[in-house]
Protein backbone atom coordinates (compact mmCIF):
# COMPACT_ATOMS: atom_id res chain seq x y z
CA MET A 1 -0.01 0.06 -0.07
CA PRO A 2 2.75 2.54 0.71
CA GLU A 3 4.25 1.90 -2.71
CA LEU A 4 0.98 2.78 -4.24
CA ILE A 5 0.71 6.00 -2.36
CA GLN A 6 4.22 6.98 -3.20
CA THR A 7 3.49 6.18 -6.92
CA LEU A 8 0.39 8.43 -6.87
CA LYS A 9 2.35 11.23 -5.19
CA SER A 10 5.09 10.95 -7.89
CA MET A 11 2.58 11.08 -10.64
CA GLN A 12 0.86 14.08 -9.13
CA LYS A 13 4.20 15.93 -8.84
CA THR A 14 5.10 15.13 -12.48
CA GLU A 15 1.71 16.43 -13.69
CA SER A 16 2.22 19.54 -11.57
CA GLU A 17 5.64 20.19 -13.07
CA LYS A 18 4.27 19.70 -16.59
CA ARG A 19 1.59 22.26 -15.94
CA ARG A 20 4.00 24.68 -14.47
CA PHE A 21 6.33 24.32 -17.43
CA LEU A 22 3.55 24.79 -19.92
CA ALA A 23 2.40 27.91 -18.09
CA SER A 24 5.93 29.32 -18.08
CA ILE A 25 6.15 28.95 -21.80
CA GLN A 26 3.13 31.11 -22.02
CA GLY A 27 4.61 33.63 -19.72
CA ILE A 28 2.58 32.76 -16.58
CA ASP A 29 4.51 32.30 -13.27
CA LEU A 30 2.70 29.76 -11.04
CA GLY A 31 5.21 29.86 -8.34
CA LYS A 32 6.12 26.98 -5.96
CA ASP A 33 3.77 24.43 -4.46
CA GLY A 34 1.99 25.82 -1.45
CA GLU A 35 3.33 29.29 -2.05
CA GLU A 36 0.55 31.86 -2.49
CA GLN A 37 1.37 35.13 -4.14
CA GLU A 38 0.28 37.99 -1.98
CA GLY A 39 -2.04 40.39 -3.81
CA PRO A 40 -3.11 43.86 -2.92
CA SER A 41 -5.35 44.20 0.09
CA PHE A 42 -8.94 45.28 -0.06
CA GLU A 43 -8.03 48.81 1.35
CA ASP A 44 -5.42 49.20 -1.44
CA VAL A 45 -7.97 48.31 -4.16
CA GLN A 46 -10.55 50.64 -2.49
CA ARG A 47 -8.01 53.54 -2.54
CA ARG A 48 -7.24 53.05 -6.12
CA ALA A 49 -11.03 52.82 -7.04
CA LEU A 50 -11.49 56.24 -5.28
CA GLY A 51 -8.63 57.78 -7.29
CA ILE A 52 -6.14 58.02 -4.38
CA ASN A 53 -2.72 56.91 -5.55
CA THR A 54 -0.88 56.73 -2.22
CA SER A 55 -0.11 53.97 0.22
CA GLY A 56 -2.29 53.28 3.34
CA ASP A 57 0.32 54.74 5.69
CA ASP A 58 0.33 58.17 3.98
CA ILE A 59 -1.83 60.93 5.43
CA VAL A 60 -2.97 61.86 1.86
CA SER A 61 -4.87 58.54 1.78
CA LEU A 62 -7.43 59.84 4.37
CA GLN A 63 -9.83 61.40 1.86
CA GLY A 64 -13.51 61.07 1.28
CA GLN A 65 -15.22 57.91 2.44
CA LEU A 66 -11.97 56.56 3.89
CA ALA A 67 -11.54 59.70 6.05
CA SER A 68 -15.09 59.37 7.28
CA SER A 69 -14.70 55.80 8.27
CA ALA A 70 -11.48 56.67 10.17
CA GLY A 71 -13.29 59.44 12.04
CA PHE A 72 -12.21 62.41 10.02
CA GLY A 73 -14.78 64.57 8.19
CA ILE A 74 -15.30 67.99 6.94
CA GLY A 75 -14.36 70.39 9.78
CA ALA A 76 -13.03 67.45 11.91
CA GLY A 77 -10.13 66.53 9.70
CA LEU A 78 -6.40 66.58 10.24
CA GLY A 79 -5.77 70.15 8.98
CA TYR A 80 -3.62 68.92 6.14
CA GLU A 81 -3.83 70.40 2.68
CA LYS A 82 -2.46 68.72 -0.26
CA GLY A 83 -0.08 71.05 -2.10
């Protein structure tokens, strides 16, 4: 029984390598097994959708809806003006 399991694992690894090779020929990088590629966070996507092109740790990113959700609004903001 262990031989059968090892054979199946080996066949699965071979198929995975074939798929990765075919993808790399087409210019797609699938990465290593078990390695997930980190994408942008929801907040990053939301900032870009609102037209804010700064990172989340920049004070300029606190605009509009994001400022309201952070507790800053008109008249209650940070007193920062973008120049």
